[in-house]
Amino acid sequence: MEAPKPRFFETDNKPVAYLEWEAIRVICFEGSHMHIGDAYPKFEQAHNYWIEHFNQQATKEHHAINSRIKRNEFDALDDFYDALQTILKPKPRGKMLKDLKRRNARKEHQREVKGAAFIDNDPLLSAAAKSAFELAETNADDTAIAAKAAELAVEYDNGNPLSDVQMGVLCGFIQQRMNKHLELDRIEAELIDDPDKNVYYMWGQIKRRCPKGATIAWPHSTAIQYGRCSKSQVTAVMNKLIKLGAVTRIQEGKRGQNSSRAAIYRREV
């Protein structure tokens, strides 16, 4: 078979390069050291160097994937790359970590206050929050909100169907998010007066899609698409929104072939 193009052999992530080598050897070359060496002669010696890095730096997640490779649990190379996402996904740090702790604390407070009415289903609540944008755009009434809540409750059922009380809480949550989408904020006066109208337009696009206090992934490509500005203008526009206090960047964006991440902002007003 034709040797697949490796993704990590030439990166600085040597433990992952070792895992990729082993995965390709087992999945694509039936475990043959000779065949994989023939397929990638440039990296055959480097492989020994990667082993040292793996032994010194590997986490329990690395070892878990390595064990799955040895047990031949991956049917295809894509399955291996999917499993790698647990390692490659950046761990929250700085403002992102602080925001995560704040949200977890708020969740535990809601669990204590609401008791049996508390909805312990993050995917459902996330989908409900997203649906609020479209519902707010159409000025949906109580009947439409209840219908959407019932639809989402079925779609995101986690094995614990919502009680009537919880359905009421879900409808109230959606209505609350809709209200946030419709709220005006005091910072708009400064944005309107700003001579750079790209700033106000970008703010309007973020505001439509992200209620106050929520976070939104807003990479350069999205900012260009909705902000209708050039790539060279995006950084200046977003920095001005941060300076004015409209948003906070809680995660820096990073471009990469295999481990890119989007910039994440929290809407402050």
C-alpha atoms as a PDB file:
ATOM      1  CA  MET A   1       0.000   0.000   0.000  1.00  0.00           C
ATOM      2  CA  GLU A   2       1.007   3.631  -0.457  1.00  0.00           C
ATOM      3  CA  ALA A   3       2.541   5.090   2.689  1.00  0.00           C
ATOM      4  CA  PRO A   4       0.325   7.776   4.247  1.00  0.00           C
ATOM      5  CA  LYS A   5       1.670  11.289   4.651  1.00  0.00           C
ATOM      6  CA  PRO A   6       2.641  11.730   8.327  1.00  0.00           C
ATOM      7  CA  ARG A   7       1.374  14.783  10.166  1.00  0.00           C
ATOM      8  CA  PHE A   8       3.729  14.960  13.141  1.00  0.00           C
ATOM      9  CA  PHE A   9       7.098  13.531  12.092  1.00  0.00           C
ATOM     10  CA  GLU A  10       8.535  17.001  11.466  1.00  0.00           C
ATOM     11  CA  THR A  11       6.911  18.799  14.393  1.00  0.00           C
ATOM     12  CA  ASP A  12       8.416  19.548  17.813  1.00  0.00           C
ATOM     13  CA  ASN A  13       5.887  17.259  19.498  1.00  0.00           C
ATOM     14  CA  LYS A  14       8.130  14.198  19.679  1.00  0.00           C
ATOM     15  CA  PRO A  15       5.922  12.028  21.939  1.00  0.00           C
ATOM     16  CA  VAL A  16       3.089  12.408  19.427  1.00  0.00           C
ATOM     17  CA  ALA A  17       5.488  11.762  16.535  1.00  0.00           C
ATOM     18  CA  TYR A  18       6.399   8.474  18.228  1.00  0.00           C
ATOM     19  CA  LEU A  19       2.721   7.553  18.621  1.00  0.00           C
ATOM     20  CA  GLU A  20       2.065   8.367  14.973  1.00  0.00           C
ATOM     21  CA  TRP A  21       5.010   6.202  13.888  1.00  0.00           C
ATOM     22  CA  GLU A  22       3.696   3.287  15.933  1.00  0.00           C
ATOM     23  CA  ALA A  23       0.129   3.783  14.691  1.00  0.00           C
ATOM     24  CA  ILE A  24       1.227   3.796  11.051  1.00  0.00           C
ATOM     25  CA  ARG A  25       3.447   0.750  11.631  1.00  0.00           C
ATOM     26  CA  VAL A  26       0.620  -1.272  13.187  1.00  0.00           C
ATOM     27  CA  ILE A  27      -2.334  -0.043  11.096  1.00  0.00           C
ATOM     28  CA  CYS A  28      -0.720   0.391   7.687  1.00  0.00           C
ATOM     29  CA  PHE A  29       2.233  -2.021   7.719  1.00  0.00           C
ATOM     30  CA  GLU A  30       0.837  -4.861   9.841  1.00  0.00           C
ATOM     31  CA  GLY A  31       3.367  -4.137  12.574  1.00  0.00           C
ATOM     32  CA  SER A  32       6.415  -4.508  10.331  1.00  0.00           C
ATOM     33  CA  HIS A  33       9.433  -2.476  11.470  1.00  0.00           C
ATOM     34  CA  MET A  34      11.188  -3.176   8.174  1.00  0.00           C
ATOM     35  CA  HIS A  35       8.346  -1.956   5.968  1.00  0.00           C
ATOM     36  CA  ILE A  36       7.790   1.290   7.824  1.00  0.00           C
ATOM     37  CA  GLY A  37      11.555   1.894   7.811  1.00  0.00           C
ATOM     38  CA  ASP A  38      11.577   1.439   4.043  1.00  0.00           C
ATOM     39  CA  ALA A  39       8.599   3.785   3.670  1.00  0.00           C
ATOM     40  CA  TYR A  40      10.156   6.573   5.766  1.00  0.00           C
ATOM     41  CA  PRO A  41      13.961   6.162   5.606  1.00  0.00           C
ATOM     42  CA  LYS A  42      14.445   9.818   6.483  1.00  0.00           C
ATOM     43  CA  PHE A  43      12.856   9.280   9.893  1.00  0.00           C
ATOM     44  CA  GLU A  44      14.025   5.772  10.765  1.00  0.00           C
ATOM     45  CA  GLN A  45      16.884   6.990  12.977  1.00  0.00           C
ATOM     46  CA  ALA A  46      14.828   9.875  14.366  1.00  0.00           C
ATOM     47  CA  HIS A  47      12.322   7.327  15.604  1.00  0.00           C
ATOM     48  CA  ASN A  48      14.821   6.182  18.269  1.00  0.00           C
ATOM     49  CA  TYR A  49      15.120   9.797  19.431  1.00  0.00           C
ATOM     50  CA  TRP A  50      11.321  10.082  19.664  1.00  0.00           C
ATOM     51  CA  ILE A  51      11.188   7.002  21.907  1.00  0.00           C
ATOM     52  CA  GLU A  52      13.412   8.770  24.447  1.00  0.00           C
ATOM     53  CA  HIS A  53      11.140  11.809  24.444  1.00  0.00           C
ATOM     54  CA  PHE A  54       8.090   9.598  24.831  1.00  0.00           C
ATOM     55  CA  ASN A  55       9.575   7.773  27.819  1.00  0.00           C
ATOM     56  CA  GLN A  56      10.493  11.087  29.484  1.00  0.00           C
ATOM     57  CA  GLN A  57       7.484  13.251  28.634  1.00  0.00           C
ATOM     58  CA  ALA A  58       4.496  10.990  27.996  1.00  0.00           C
ATOM     59  CA  THR A  59       1.391  11.595  30.110  1.00  0.00           C
ATOM     60  CA  LYS A  60      -1.192   8.994  31.059  1.00  0.00           C
ATOM     61  CA  GLU A  61      -3.174  10.068  27.966  1.00  0.00           C
ATOM     62  CA  HIS A  62      -0.141   9.314  25.754  1.00  0.00           C
ATOM     63  CA  HIS A  63       0.293   5.909  27.390  1.00  0.00           C
ATOM     64  CA  ALA A  64      -3.409   5.115  27.009  1.00  0.00           C
ATOM     65  CA  ILE A  65      -3.263   5.717  23.256  1.00  0.00           C
ATOM     66  CA  ASN A  66      -0.019   3.743  22.989  1.00  0.00           C
ATOM     67  CA  SER A  67      -1.707   0.809  24.702  1.00  0.00           C
ATOM     68  CA  ARG A  68      -4.602   0.995  22.255  1.00  0.00           C
ATOM     69  CA  ILE A  69      -2.139   0.922  19.358  1.00  0.00           C
ATOM     70  CA  LYS A  70      -0.413  -2.168  20.779  1.00  0.00           C
ATOM     71  CA  ARG A  71      -3.802  -3.871  21.214  1.00  0.00           C
ATOM     72  CA  ASN A  72      -4.592  -3.032  17.576  1.00  0.00           C
ATOM     73  CA  GLU A  73      -7.807  -1.260  18.562  1.00  0.00           C
ATOM     74  CA  PHE A  74      -7.707   1.312  15.758  1.00  0.00           C
ATOM     75  CA  ASP A  75      -9.323   0.076  12.535  1.00  0.00           C
ATOM     76  CA  ALA A  76      -8.058   3.039  10.509  1.00  0.00           C
ATOM     77  CA  LEU A  77      -5.478   5.793  10.837  1.00  0.00           C
ATOM     78  CA  ASP A  78      -8.258   8.394  11.058  1.00  0.00           C
ATOM     79  CA  ASP A  79      -9.482   6.672  14.237  1.00  0.00           C
ATOM     80  CA  PHE A  80      -6.024   7.169  15.726  1.00  0.00           C
ATOM     81  CA  TYR A  81      -5.989  10.856  14.769  1.00  0.00           C
ATOM     82  CA  ASP A  82      -9.447  11.300  16.343  1.00  0.00           C
ATOM     83  CA  ALA A  83      -8.156   9.791  19.589  1.00  0.00           C
ATOM     84  CA  LEU A  84      -5.179  12.173  19.500  1.00  0.00           C
ATOM     85  CA  GLN A  85      -7.486  15.176  19.869  1.00  0.00           C
ATOM     86  CA  THR A  86      -7.687  14.529  23.614  1.00  0.00           C
ATOM     87  CA  ILE A  87      -3.941  15.249  23.765  1.00  0.00           C
ATOM     88  CA  LEU A  88      -3.753  18.010  21.177  1.00  0.00           C
ATOM     89  CA  LYS A  89      -6.672  20.029  22.536  1.00  0.00           C
ATOM     90  CA  PRO A  90      -5.099  22.961  24.407  1.00  0.00           C
ATOM     91  CA  LYS A  91      -5.603  22.942  28.171  1.00  0.00           C
ATOM     92  CA  PRO A  92      -7.246  26.113  29.525  1.00  0.00           C
ATOM     93  CA  ARG A  93      -4.775  28.588  31.008  1.00  0.00           C
ATOM     94  CA  GLY A  94      -4.800  32.187  32.174  1.00  0.00           C
ATOM     95  CA  LYS A  95      -8.040  34.014  31.438  1.00  0.00           C
ATOM     96  CA  MET A  96      -9.530  30.904  29.840  1.00  0.00           C
ATOM     97  CA  LEU A  97      -8.911  28.884  33.007  1.00  0.00           C
ATOM     98  CA  LYS A  98     -10.270  31.686  35.186  1.00  0.00           C
ATOM     99  CA  ASP A  99     -13.416  31.875  33.061  1.00  0.00           C
ATOM    100  CA  LEU A 100     -13.865  28.090  33.235  1.00  0.00           C
ATOM    101  CA  LYS A 101     -13.584  28.126  37.032  1.00  0.00           C
ATOM    102  CA  ARG A 102     -16.114  30.932  37.235  1.00  0.00           C
ATOM    103  CA  ARG A 103     -18.592  29.048  35.051  1.00  0.00           C
ATOM    104  CA  ASN A 104     -18.120  25.833  37.067  1.00  0.00           C
ATOM    105  CA  ALA A 105     -18.719  27.722  40.315  1.00  0.00           C
ATOM    106  CA  ARG A 106     -21.858  29.280  38.865  1.00  0.00           C
ATOM    107  CA  LYS A 107     -23.064  25.836  37.748  1.00  0.00           C
ATOM    108  CA  GLU A 108     -22.592  24.355  41.217  1.00  0.00           C
ATOM    109  CA  HIS A 109     -24.426  27.313  42.737  1.00  0.00           C
ATOM    110  CA  GLN A 110     -27.345  26.757  40.354  1.00  0.00           C
ATOM    111  CA  ARG A 111     -27.377  23.048  41.224  1.00  0.00           C
ATOM    112  CA  GLU A 112     -27.674  23.901  44.922  1.00  0.00           C
ATOM    113  CA  VAL A 113     -30.314  26.590  44.467  1.00  0.00           C
ATOM    114  CA  LYS A 114     -32.581  24.823  41.957  1.00  0.00           C
ATOM    115  CA  GLY A 115     -32.379  21.319  43.379  1.00  0.00           C
ATOM    116  CA  ALA A 116     -34.620  18.945  41.401  1.00  0.00           C
ATOM    117  CA  ALA A 117     -35.220  21.669  38.790  1.00  0.00           C
ATOM    118  CA  PHE A 118     -31.512  21.819  37.898  1.00  0.00           C
ATOM    119  CA  ILE A 119     -30.685  20.623  34.369  1.00  0.00           C
ATOM    120  CA  ASP A 120     -27.406  18.690  34.349  1.00  0.00           C
ATOM    121  CA  ASN A 121     -26.996  18.491  30.586  1.00  0.00           C
ATOM    122  CA  ASP A 122     -24.391  20.871  29.160  1.00  0.00           C
ATOM    123  CA  PRO A 123     -24.916  19.933  25.471  1.00  0.00           C
ATOM    124  CA  LEU A 124     -28.649  20.642  25.831  1.00  0.00           C
ATOM    125  CA  LEU A 125     -28.078  24.014  27.487  1.00  0.00           C
ATOM    126  CA  SER A 126     -25.469  24.924  24.898  1.00  0.00           C
ATOM    127  CA  ALA A 127     -27.873  24.125  22.062  1.00  0.00           C
ATOM    128  CA  ALA A 128     -30.644  26.057  23.836  1.00  0.00           C
ATOM    129  CA  ALA A 129     -28.370  29.094  24.159  1.00  0.00           C
ATOM    130  CA  LYS A 130     -27.573  28.950  20.437  1.00  0.00           C
ATOM    131  CA  SER A 131     -31.241  28.609  19.506  1.00  0.00           C
ATOM    132  CA  ALA A 132     -32.023  31.816  21.425  1.00  0.00           C
ATOM    133  CA  PHE A 133     -30.289  33.868  18.729  1.00  0.00           C
ATOM    134  CA  GLU A 134     -32.592  32.626  15.954  1.00  0.00           C
ATOM    135  CA  LEU A 135     -35.661  32.896  18.195  1.00  0.00           C
ATOM    136  CA  ALA A 136     -34.766  36.472  19.115  1.00  0.00           C
ATOM    137  CA  GLU A 137     -34.316  37.325  15.429  1.00  0.00           C
ATOM    138  CA  THR A 138     -37.905  36.190  14.711  1.00  0.00           C
ATOM    139  CA  ASN A 139     -39.335  37.661  17.959  1.00  0.00           C
ATOM    140  CA  ALA A 140     -40.606  34.195  18.925  1.00  0.00           C
ATOM    141  CA  ASP A 141     -43.540  33.905  21.341  1.00  0.00           C
ATOM    142  CA  ASP A 142     -43.969  31.533  24.291  1.00  0.00           C
ATOM    143  CA  THR A 143     -45.451  28.797  22.091  1.00  0.00           C
ATOM    144  CA  ALA A 144     -42.482  28.833  19.711  1.00  0.00           C
ATOM    145  CA  ILE A 145     -40.041  28.822  22.644  1.00  0.00           C
ATOM    146  CA  ALA A 146     -41.798  25.836  24.249  1.00  0.00           C
ATOM    147  CA  ALA A 147     -41.776  23.961  20.931  1.00  0.00           C
ATOM    148  CA  LYS A 148     -38.061  24.587  20.472  1.00  0.00           C
ATOM    149  CA  ALA A 149     -37.339  23.514  24.051  1.00  0.00           C
ATOM    150  CA  ALA A 150     -39.261  20.261  23.532  1.00  0.00           C
ATOM    151  CA  GLU A 151     -37.401  19.598  20.274  1.00  0.00           C
ATOM    152  CA  LEU A 152     -33.999  20.136  21.898  1.00  0.00           C
ATOM    153  CA  ALA A 153     -34.918  18.033  24.946  1.00  0.00           C
ATOM    154  CA  VAL A 154     -35.505  15.054  22.648  1.00  0.00           C
ATOM    155  CA  GLU A 155     -32.467  15.697  20.447  1.00  0.00           C
ATOM    156  CA  TYR A 156     -30.078  16.020  23.408  1.00  0.00           C
ATOM    157  CA  ASP A 157     -31.647  13.430  25.705  1.00  0.00           C
ATOM    158  CA  ASN A 158     -28.851  11.974  27.861  1.00  0.00           C
ATOM    159  CA  GLY A 159     -30.938   9.179  29.315  1.00  0.00           C
ATOM    160  CA  ASN A 160     -32.548  11.377  31.968  1.00  0.00           C
ATOM    161  CA  PRO A 161     -35.754  12.869  30.462  1.00  0.00           C
ATOM    162  CA  LEU A 162     -36.607  16.334  31.747  1.00  0.00           C
ATOM    163  CA  SER A 163     -39.438  16.700  34.240  1.00  0.00           C
ATOM    164  CA  ASP A 164     -42.203  19.267  33.719  1.00  0.00           C
ATOM    165  CA  VAL A 165     -40.419  21.552  36.153  1.00  0.00           C
ATOM    166  CA  GLN A 166     -37.136  21.209  34.250  1.00  0.00           C
ATOM    167  CA  MET A 167     -38.916  21.909  30.949  1.00  0.00           C
ATOM    168  CA  GLY A 168     -40.157  25.141  32.497  1.00  0.00           C
ATOM    169  CA  VAL A 169     -36.607  25.991  33.531  1.00  0.00           C
ATOM    170  CA  LEU A 170     -35.359  25.265  30.004  1.00  0.00           C
ATOM    171  CA  CYS A 171     -37.984  27.561  28.476  1.00  0.00           C
ATOM    172  CA  GLY A 172     -37.053  30.263  30.980  1.00  0.00           C
ATOM    173  CA  PHE A 173     -33.371  29.827  30.134  1.00  0.00           C
ATOM    174  CA  ILE A 174     -34.062  30.300  26.427  1.00  0.00           C
ATOM    175  CA  GLN A 175     -36.213  33.378  27.104  1.00  0.00           C
ATOM    176  CA  GLN A 176     -33.479  34.837  29.293  1.00  0.00           C
ATOM    177  CA  ARG A 177     -30.909  34.359  26.542  1.00  0.00           C
ATOM    178  CA  MET A 178     -33.263  35.915  24.012  1.00  0.00           C
ATOM    179  CA  ASN A 179     -33.625  38.977  26.240  1.00  0.00           C
ATOM    180  CA  LYS A 180     -29.839  39.315  26.436  1.00  0.00           C
ATOM    181  CA  HIS A 181     -29.616  39.292  22.652  1.00  0.00           C
ATOM    182  CA  LEU A 182     -32.137  42.133  22.503  1.00  0.00           C
ATOM    183  CA  GLU A 183     -30.584  44.320  25.218  1.00  0.00           C
ATOM    184  CA  LEU A 184     -28.902  47.614  24.379  1.00  0.00           C
ATOM    185  CA  ASP A 185     -25.647  48.537  26.090  1.00  0.00           C
ATOM    186  CA  ARG A 186     -24.018  51.779  27.116  1.00  0.00           C
ATOM    187  CA  ILE A 187     -20.784  51.267  25.178  1.00  0.00           C
ATOM    188  CA  GLU A 188     -22.524  51.746  21.841  1.00  0.00           C
ATOM    189  CA  ALA A 189     -22.314  55.542  22.122  1.00  0.00           C
ATOM    190  CA  GLU A 190     -18.510  55.344  22.020  1.00  0.00           C
ATOM    191  CA  LEU A 191     -18.608  52.835  19.193  1.00  0.00           C
ATOM    192  CA  ILE A 192     -20.943  54.982  17.118  1.00  0.00           C
ATOM    193  CA  ASP A 193     -18.709  58.013  17.634  1.00  0.00           C
ATOM    194  CA  ASP A 194     -15.578  56.096  16.655  1.00  0.00           C
ATOM    195  CA  PRO A 195     -14.376  57.262  13.203  1.00  0.00           C
ATOM    196  CA  ASP A 196     -13.493  53.674  12.243  1.00  0.00           C
ATOM    197  CA  LYS A 197     -16.926  52.262  11.368  1.00  0.00           C
ATOM    198  CA  ASN A 198     -15.447  48.770  11.033  1.00  0.00           C
ATOM    199  CA  VAL A 199     -15.304  48.701  14.841  1.00  0.00           C
ATOM    200  CA  TYR A 200     -19.021  49.394  15.253  1.00  0.00           C
ATOM    201  CA  TYR A 201     -19.965  46.941  12.510  1.00  0.00           C
ATOM    202  CA  MET A 202     -17.813  44.192  14.027  1.00  0.00           C
ATOM    203  CA  TRP A 203     -19.341  44.859  17.435  1.00  0.00           C
ATOM    204  CA  GLY A 204     -22.828  44.573  15.959  1.00  0.00           C
ATOM    205  CA  GLN A 205     -22.012  41.183  14.462  1.00  0.00           C
ATOM    206  CA  ILE A 206     -20.603  39.886  17.764  1.00  0.00           C
ATOM    207  CA  LYS A 207     -23.511  41.304  19.725  1.00  0.00           C
ATOM    208  CA  ARG A 208     -26.069  39.594  17.494  1.00  0.00           C
ATOM    209  CA  ARG A 209     -24.444  36.203  18.032  1.00  0.00           C
ATOM    210  CA  CYS A 210     -23.222  36.363  21.625  1.00  0.00           C
ATOM    211  CA  PRO A 211     -25.285  37.520  24.614  1.00  0.00           C
ATOM    212  CA  LYS A 212     -23.719  39.496  27.438  1.00  0.00           C
ATOM    213  CA  GLY A 213     -21.488  37.369  29.656  1.00  0.00           C
ATOM    214  CA  ALA A 214     -21.246  34.508  27.151  1.00  0.00           C
ATOM    215  CA  THR A 215     -18.198  33.475  25.130  1.00  0.00           C
ATOM    216  CA  ILE A 216     -17.815  33.075  21.386  1.00  0.00           C
ATOM    217  CA  ALA A 217     -15.151  31.581  19.126  1.00  0.00           C
ATOM    218  CA  TRP A 218     -14.146  34.414  16.770  1.00  0.00           C
ATOM    219  CA  PRO A 219     -11.120  33.448  14.642  1.00  0.00           C
ATOM    220  CA  HIS A 220      -9.768  35.724  11.909  1.00  0.00           C
ATOM    221  CA  SER A 221     -11.747  33.908   9.214  1.00  0.00           C
ATOM    222  CA  THR A 222     -15.035  34.494  11.035  1.00  0.00           C
ATOM    223  CA  ALA A 223     -14.166  38.120  11.796  1.00  0.00           C
ATOM    224  CA  ILE A 224     -13.424  38.729   8.103  1.00  0.00           C
ATOM    225  CA  GLN A 225     -16.639  37.002   7.026  1.00  0.00           C
ATOM    226  CA  TYR A 226     -19.014  38.849   9.341  1.00  0.00           C
ATOM    227  CA  GLY A 227     -17.057  42.024   9.989  1.00  0.00           C
ATOM    228  CA  ARG A 228     -16.688  42.744   6.257  1.00  0.00           C
ATOM    229  CA  CYS A 229     -13.137  43.971   6.736  1.00  0.00           C
ATOM    230  CA  SER A 230      -9.761  42.895   5.418  1.00  0.00           C
ATOM    231  CA  LYS A 231      -7.462  40.430   7.155  1.00  0.00           C
ATOM    232  CA  SER A 232      -5.008  43.220   7.960  1.00  0.00           C
ATOM    233  CA  GLN A 233      -7.738  45.199   9.787  1.00  0.00           C
ATOM    234  CA  VAL A 234      -9.040  42.449  12.069  1.00  0.00           C
ATOM    235  CA  THR A 235      -6.397  42.699  14.808  1.00  0.00           C
ATOM    236  CA  ALA A 236      -6.745  46.483  15.148  1.00  0.00           C
ATOM    237  CA  VAL A 237     -10.548  46.291  15.228  1.00  0.00           C
ATOM    238  CA  MET A 238     -10.642  43.546  17.870  1.00  0.00           C
ATOM    239  CA  ASN A 239      -8.006  45.287  20.001  1.00  0.00           C
ATOM    240  CA  LYS A 240     -10.104  48.441  19.968  1.00  0.00           C
ATOM    241  CA  LEU A 241     -13.166  46.507  21.145  1.00  0.00           C
ATOM    242  CA  ILE A 242     -11.045  45.081  23.963  1.00  0.00           C
ATOM    243  CA  LYS A 243      -9.722  48.544  24.900  1.00  0.00           C
ATOM    244  CA  LEU A 244     -13.258  49.942  25.031  1.00  0.00           C
ATOM    245  CA  GLY A 245     -14.309  47.116  27.353  1.00  0.00           C
ATOM    246  CA  ALA A 246     -16.814  45.585  24.952  1.00  0.00           C
ATOM    247  CA  VAL A 247     -15.097  42.179  24.910  1.00  0.00           C
ATOM    248  CA  THR A 248     -12.292  40.313  26.650  1.00  0.00           C
ATOM    249  CA  ARG A 249     -10.058  37.895  24.750  1.00  0.00           C
ATOM    250  CA  ILE A 250      -9.838  34.886  27.064  1.00  0.00           C
ATOM    251  CA  GLN A 251      -7.957  32.662  24.618  1.00  0.00           C
ATOM    252  CA  GLU A 252      -5.439  33.727  22.007  1.00  0.00           C
ATOM    253  CA  GLY A 253      -5.908  32.253  18.558  1.00  0.00           C
ATOM    254  CA  LYS A 254      -3.205  30.078  17.043  1.00  0.00           C
ATOM    255  CA  ARG A 255      -2.823  28.781  13.530  1.00  0.00           C
ATOM    256  CA  GLY A 256      -1.376  25.291  12.971  1.00  0.00           C
ATOM    257  CA  GLN A 257      -1.687  22.427  10.554  1.00  0.00           C
ATOM    258  CA  ASN A 258      -2.804  19.949  13.194  1.00  0.00           C
ATOM    259  CA  SER A 259      -3.417  21.862  16.415  1.00  0.00           C
ATOM    260  CA  SER A 260      -4.935  25.230  15.494  1.00  0.00           C
ATOM    261  CA  ARG A 261      -7.251  26.942  17.957  1.00  0.00           C
ATOM    262  CA  ALA A 262      -9.661  29.809  17.585  1.00  0.00           C
ATOM    263  CA  ALA A 263      -9.510  33.066  19.498  1.00  0.00           C
ATOM    264  CA  ILE A 264     -12.272  33.107  22.119  1.00  0.00           C
ATOM    265  CA  TYR A 265     -13.876  36.316  23.409  1.00  0.00           C
ATOM    266  CA  ARG A 266     -16.284  37.038  26.233  1.00  0.00           C
ATOM    267  CA  ARG A 267     -18.862  39.761  25.676  1.00  0.00           C
ATOM    268  CA  GLU A 268     -18.691  42.163  28.622  1.00  0.00           C
ATOM    269  CA  VAL A 269     -21.550  44.617  27.935  1.00  0.00           C
END
